[in-house]
Protein backbone atom coordinates (compact mmCIF):
# COMPACT_ATOMS: atom_id res chain seq x y z
CA MET A 1 100.04 7.59 -1.90
CA ILE A 2 99.62 9.78 1.14
CA LEU A 3 97.38 8.05 3.66
CA ALA A 4 95.01 10.99 4.09
CA LEU A 5 94.08 10.74 0.40
CA LEU A 6 92.73 7.27 1.09
CA LEU A 7 91.51 7.38 4.66
CA PRO A 8 90.43 10.86 5.77
CA SER A 9 89.50 10.91 9.45
CA LEU A 10 85.84 11.89 9.67
CA LEU A 11 84.01 12.29 12.98
CA PHE A 12 80.24 12.76 13.07
CA ALA A 13 80.16 13.98 9.45
CA GLN A 14 76.67 14.60 8.11
CA PRO A 15 75.94 12.85 4.77
CA GLU A 16 73.48 15.51 3.64
CA LYS A 17 76.13 18.19 4.19
CA LYS A 18 78.87 16.25 2.44
CA SER A 19 76.66 15.85 -0.65
CA ARG A 20 76.56 19.64 -1.05
CA PHE A 21 80.24 19.73 -1.93
CA LYS A 22 81.70 18.97 -5.33
CA PRO A 23 84.65 16.56 -5.41
CA ILE A 24 88.08 18.18 -5.46
CA PRO A 25 89.53 17.83 -8.98
CA ASP A 26 92.69 15.74 -9.17
CA LYS A 27 94.69 18.71 -10.46
CA ALA A 28 93.63 20.79 -7.47
CA ARG A 29 94.64 17.99 -5.08
CA GLU A 30 98.02 17.81 -6.75
CA ALA A 31 98.38 21.60 -6.58
CA ILE A 32 97.58 21.63 -2.86
CA ILE A 33 100.09 18.88 -2.12
CA GLU A 34 102.73 20.72 -4.14
CA ALA A 35 101.99 23.99 -2.32
CA VAL A 36 102.28 22.53 1.18
CA PRO A 37 105.65 23.26 2.85
CA GLU A 38 108.12 20.39 2.97
CA ALA A 39 108.66 20.61 6.72
CA ALA A 40 107.13 22.03 9.87
CA THR A 41 108.33 25.47 10.87
CA THR A 42 109.21 24.12 14.30
CA LYS A 43 109.45 20.58 15.61
CA PRO A 44 106.35 19.58 17.59
CA ALA A 45 107.02 19.26 21.30
CA LYS A 46 104.82 16.15 21.27
CA GLU A 47 102.31 14.48 18.99
CA ARG A 48 99.69 17.10 18.15
CA ARG A 49 96.10 16.63 17.01
CA VAL A 50 93.80 19.19 15.36
CA LEU A 51 90.01 18.97 15.14
CA VAL A 52 88.90 20.61 11.87
CA PHE A 53 85.23 21.60 12.21
CA TYR A 54 83.29 22.73 9.12
CA ARG A 55 79.64 23.01 10.18
CA CYS A 56 77.56 25.48 8.15
CA GLY A 57 74.30 26.88 9.48
CA GLY A 58 74.38 29.65 6.87
CA PHE A 59 76.25 30.09 3.61
CA VAL A 60 78.16 26.98 2.54
CA HIS A 61 81.56 27.78 1.03
CA GLN A 62 82.55 25.43 -1.76
CA SER A 63 86.17 25.91 -0.69
CA ILE A 64 85.56 23.85 2.46
CA PRO A 65 86.77 20.51 1.02
CA PHE A 66 89.87 22.27 -0.33
CA GLY A 67 90.58 23.72 3.12
CA ASN A 68 89.96 20.40 4.85
CA PHE A 69 92.30 18.62 2.45
CA ALA A 70 94.93 21.35 2.72
CA VAL A 71 95.02 21.09 6.52
CA GLN A 72 95.26 17.30 6.29
CA MET A 73 98.19 17.70 3.92
CA LEU A 74 99.82 20.33 6.14
CA GLY A 75 99.78 17.79 8.93
CA ASP A 76 100.71 14.71 6.90
CA LYS A 77 103.48 16.22 4.79
CA THR A 78 105.20 18.20 7.54
CA GLY A 79 104.50 15.94 10.51
CA ALA A 80 103.34 18.95 12.52
CA PHE A 81 100.01 17.44 13.61
CA GLN A 82 97.32 14.86 12.91
CA VAL A 83 93.85 15.87 11.73
CA ASP A 84 90.27 14.76 12.35
CA LEU A 85 87.36 16.28 10.41
CA ALA A 86 83.90 16.82 11.85
CA ASP A 87 80.74 18.84 11.31
CA GLY A 88 78.56 17.48 14.11
CA TYR A 89 78.27 19.26 17.45
CA GLU A 90 78.62 15.92 19.25
CA VAL A 91 82.40 16.39 19.20
CA PHE A 92 82.17 19.24 21.72
CA THR A 93 82.47 17.34 24.99
CA PRO A 94 85.30 17.68 27.51
CA GLU A 95 86.11 13.99 27.09
CA ASN A 96 86.43 14.15 23.29
CA LEU A 97 88.22 17.50 23.17
CA ALA A 98 90.82 16.29 25.67
CA LYS A 99 92.69 14.51 22.89
CA TYR A 100 93.10 17.67 20.77
CA ASP A 101 95.50 20.59 20.91
CA CYS A 102 93.54 22.91 18.61
CA ILE A 103 90.07 23.36 17.12
CA LEU A 104 90.19 24.77 13.58
CA LEU A 105 87.00 26.35 12.22
CA ASN A 106 87.16 25.98 8.44
CA ASN A 107 84.60 28.35 6.92
CA THR A 108 81.98 27.51 9.52
CA THR A 109 78.90 29.75 9.40
CA HIS A 110 76.21 30.60 11.98
CA MET A 111 77.44 28.11 14.55
CA GLN A 112 74.97 27.76 17.43
CA PHE A 113 75.69 25.12 20.05
CA PRO A 114 72.51 23.11 20.73
CA GLU A 115 73.53 22.42 24.33
CA ALA A 116 75.06 24.74 26.90
CA SER A 117 77.49 21.97 27.82
CA GLN A 118 78.89 22.04 24.26
CA LEU A 119 79.47 25.80 24.40
CA ASN A 120 81.14 25.43 27.78
CA ALA A 121 83.37 22.64 26.49
CA PHE A 122 84.43 24.84 23.55
CA LEU A 123 85.14 27.88 25.73
CA ASP A 124 86.95 25.89 28.42
CA PHE A 125 89.09 24.09 25.85
CA ILE A 126 90.55 27.40 24.68
CA SER A 127 90.62 29.44 27.87
CA LYS A 128 92.34 26.64 29.80
CA GLY A 129 95.31 26.49 27.47
CA LYS A 130 94.49 24.93 24.10
CA GLY A 131 94.20 26.59 20.69
CA LEU A 132 91.63 27.95 18.24
CA ALA A 133 92.32 28.61 14.55
CA GLY A 134 89.91 29.97 11.98
CA PHE A 135 89.76 30.37 8.22
CA HIS A 136 87.61 33.01 6.46
CA ALA A 137 83.98 32.48 7.59
CA ALA A 138 85.09 31.43 11.07
CA SER A 139 84.19 35.04 11.88
CA ASP A 140 80.56 34.50 10.75
CA ASN A 141 79.41 32.55 13.80
CA PHE A 142 78.14 32.61 17.38
CA GLY A 143 75.30 35.12 17.09
CA ARG A 144 73.85 33.73 20.32
CA HIS A 145 77.20 33.15 22.00
CA PRO A 146 78.92 36.53 22.48
CA GLU A 147 81.69 35.04 24.61
CA ALA A 148 82.64 32.67 21.79
CA LEU A 149 82.38 35.49 19.26
CA ALA A 150 84.77 37.61 21.32
CA MET A 151 87.36 34.83 21.25
CA VAL A 152 87.51 35.00 17.45
CA GLY A 153 87.95 38.78 17.53
CA GLY A 154 85.31 40.05 15.08
CA ILE A 155 82.15 39.07 13.23
CA PHE A 156 81.20 39.28 9.55
CA ASN A 157 79.61 42.52 8.34
CA GLY A 158 79.72 42.13 4.58
CA HIS A 159 82.53 41.79 2.05
CA PRO A 160 83.00 44.98 0.03
CA TRP A 161 86.18 43.42 -1.37
CA GLY A 162 84.60 40.58 -3.35
CA ALA A 163 85.99 37.22 -4.45
CA GLY A 164 86.41 38.39 -8.04
CA GLY A 165 88.85 41.15 -7.12
CA THR A 166 92.58 41.08 -6.54
CA TRP A 167 93.35 43.16 -3.46
CA ALA A 168 96.40 44.80 -1.93
CA PHE A 169 97.56 43.63 1.51
CA LYS A 170 100.04 45.13 3.95
CA LEU A 171 102.03 43.47 6.69
CA ASP A 172 101.30 45.32 9.93
CA ASP A 173 104.28 43.65 11.56
CA PRO A 174 106.70 42.60 8.76
CA LYS A 175 109.22 40.88 11.04
CA HIS A 176 106.69 38.84 12.99
CA LYS A 177 107.23 35.05 12.90
CA LEU A 178 103.73 34.44 11.59
CA ASN A 179 104.44 36.77 8.66
CA GLN A 180 107.65 35.00 7.62
CA ALA A 181 105.84 33.51 4.61
CA PHE A 182 105.53 36.95 3.03
CA ASP A 183 109.26 37.69 3.15
CA GLY A 184 108.72 41.10 4.72
CA LYS A 185 106.72 42.45 1.76
CA GLY A 186 103.14 43.50 1.14
CA PHE A 187 101.39 41.67 -1.66
CA TRP A 188 98.35 41.30 -3.92
CA HIS A 189 95.98 38.33 -3.68
CA GLN A 190 92.59 37.35 -5.10
CA ASP A 191 90.09 36.42 -2.40
CA GLU A 192 87.00 37.73 -0.62
CA ILE A 193 87.73 39.95 2.38
CA TYR A 194 85.36 40.82 5.23
CA GLN A 195 84.77 43.90 7.25
CA TYR A 196 83.60 43.40 10.84
CA LYS A 197 80.72 44.75 12.90
CA PRO A 198 81.99 47.71 14.94
CA GLU A 199 80.46 46.36 18.13
CA SER A 200 82.11 42.96 17.64
CA TYR A 201 85.57 43.92 16.40
CA VAL A 202 87.90 43.52 19.38
CA GLY A 203 90.63 45.73 17.92
CA PRO A 204 94.39 46.25 18.34
CA GLU A 205 94.07 46.69 22.10
CA THR A 206 93.42 42.92 22.26
CA LEU A 207 94.52 41.54 18.88
CA ARG A 208 98.03 41.30 17.47
CA VAL A 209 97.19 42.29 13.89
CA LEU A 210 99.48 40.62 11.36
CA VAL A 211 98.01 41.38 7.92
CA SER A 212 95.52 44.05 6.81
CA LEU A 213 94.12 45.43 3.60
CA ASP A 214 96.39 48.11 2.14
CA MET A 215 93.73 50.81 1.93
CA SER A 216 96.09 53.17 0.11
CA LYS A 217 95.57 51.00 -2.98
CA ASN A 218 92.23 49.20 -2.66
CA THR A 219 89.04 50.65 -4.09
CA VAL A 220 86.56 51.92 -1.50
CA SER A 221 83.00 51.18 -2.61
CA ASP A 222 79.56 52.23 -1.38
CA ARG A 223 79.16 48.69 -0.03
CA ILE A 224 81.35 49.61 2.93
CA LYS A 225 79.27 49.99 6.08
CA ASP A 226 80.12 51.74 9.32
CA GLY A 227 83.13 49.61 10.17
CA PRO A 228 86.79 50.28 10.84
CA ARG A 229 88.70 51.65 7.86
CA GLU A 230 91.72 49.71 9.03
CA VAL A 231 90.61 46.30 7.81
CA PRO A 232 92.50 43.47 9.55
CA VAL A 233 92.84 40.17 7.72
CA SER A 234 95.03 37.95 9.94
CA TRP A 235 95.63 38.21 13.66
CA VAL A 236 96.48 36.34 16.84
CA ARG A 237 95.38 36.85 20.41
CA LYS A 238 95.52 35.33 23.83
CA ALA A 239 92.23 34.02 25.23
CA GLY A 240 92.68 33.17 28.86
CA ASP A 241 95.55 30.69 28.81
CA GLY A 242 94.76 29.72 25.20
CA ARG A 243 95.89 30.93 21.79
CA VAL A 244 93.84 32.11 18.80
CA PHE A 245 94.92 32.46 15.17
CA TYR A 246 92.47 33.77 12.57
CA THR A 247 92.88 34.61 8.91
CA ASN A 248 90.19 35.89 6.57
CA PHE A 249 91.86 34.15 3.63
CA GLY A 250 90.06 31.06 2.33
CA HIS A 251 86.91 32.00 0.41
CA ARG A 252 88.31 30.88 -2.92
CA PRO A 253 89.43 27.24 -3.42
CA GLU A 254 92.53 28.57 -5.18
CA THR A 255 93.71 30.18 -1.95
CA PHE A 256 94.47 26.69 -0.61
CA GLN A 257 96.79 26.14 -3.57
CA ASN A 258 98.92 29.19 -2.75
CA PRO A 259 102.20 28.14 -1.05
CA VAL A 260 102.65 31.49 0.67
CA ILE A 261 99.17 31.43 2.21
CA LEU A 262 99.58 27.78 3.24
CA GLN A 263 102.86 28.63 4.99
CA HIS A 264 101.08 31.45 6.83
CA MET A 265 98.31 29.03 7.85
CA LEU A 266 100.79 26.35 8.96
CA ASP A 267 102.62 28.85 11.14
CA GLY A 268 99.35 30.05 12.64
CA ILE A 269 98.25 26.51 13.44
CA GLN A 270 101.64 25.67 14.97
CA TYR A 271 101.22 28.72 17.19
CA ALA A 272 97.67 27.68 18.13
CA VAL A 273 98.66 24.13 19.10
CA GLY A 274 101.42 25.54 21.31
CA ASP A 275 104.58 24.68 19.37
CA LEU A 276 105.57 27.98 17.75
CA ALA A 277 106.52 30.60 20.32
CA ILE A 278 105.71 34.13 19.12
CA ASP A 279 105.06 37.61 20.42
CA ASP A 280 101.27 37.68 20.77
CA ALA A 281 101.02 40.90 22.78
CA PRO A 282 98.31 43.20 21.36
CA THR A 283 99.37 45.57 18.60
CA ALA A 284 98.53 48.64 20.70
CA LYS A 285 100.90 47.46 23.44
CA SER A 286 103.78 46.40 21.18
CA ALA A 287 106.72 48.12 19.58
CA HIS A 288 107.47 46.98 16.04
CA SER A 289 108.63 48.33 12.72
CA GLY A 290 106.26 50.14 10.36
CA ALA A 291 103.91 48.35 8.00
CA ALA A 292 105.13 46.89 4.71
CA LEU A 293 102.76 48.10 2.00
CA ALA A 294 101.84 46.26 -1.19
CA PRO A 295 103.75 47.16 -4.35
CA GLU A 296 102.15 49.70 -6.67
CA LYS A 297 101.34 47.21 -9.37
CA LYS A 298 99.72 43.79 -9.14
């Protein structure tokens, strides 16, 4: 049996928070393991370690244990990295973070660092050359920390495209390495998709947008607020000397059983830790082929 099934690495986990999650069904565990790629996309330059943080100060996504387990399996099965899990702010010290290559925010909500030193450790970790990755609600944080919010690239402003719908997605840059999982084609997928506050959305002048909603096919509802009508879903960016990968996928537990999405996440994490070299120049400053739209039918 894979070691992580028996001995998950937990740092500063809060018992009251853990009790809010339902156990992952055995069939879902098996589906996640089956969906994880057989090998890393690129060989790690050295032993890599990822800190998966899942603190929730707001809405608690029940997909969090699925995401935690999926990232553990991505590391264990492919050998791309090792994983520690934590939801206590005590992990954010320069001394502790020194052993990591990437912080991954798995559906964290309303993060607020209790101490300025913790915020500084987080910001310095990324800006001085390490990585940040985020799944779904990672963009629903840092209301009191605008500099941390800007690193992510946008902040939650509702989800007109709800978890019960199956939505069309386009590849903004079909030939990009981090879009290799999609085989150059737009697609349909069931998940909850955010729009971002106009004042917080960094935009294509700073972000390399990888995947967006295909608005030529998705229903526009009256729940849409005054946000950008181009709705980005996955992107990368430089932050100082560091690297950021964010994807809005991950609201539904089933998303972490999708081999295509897991490949996309693996590639993003390998970029964030510093192993997968890609073109991360902002979309507005890059030349690339036109978008690949979703097919007409689901």
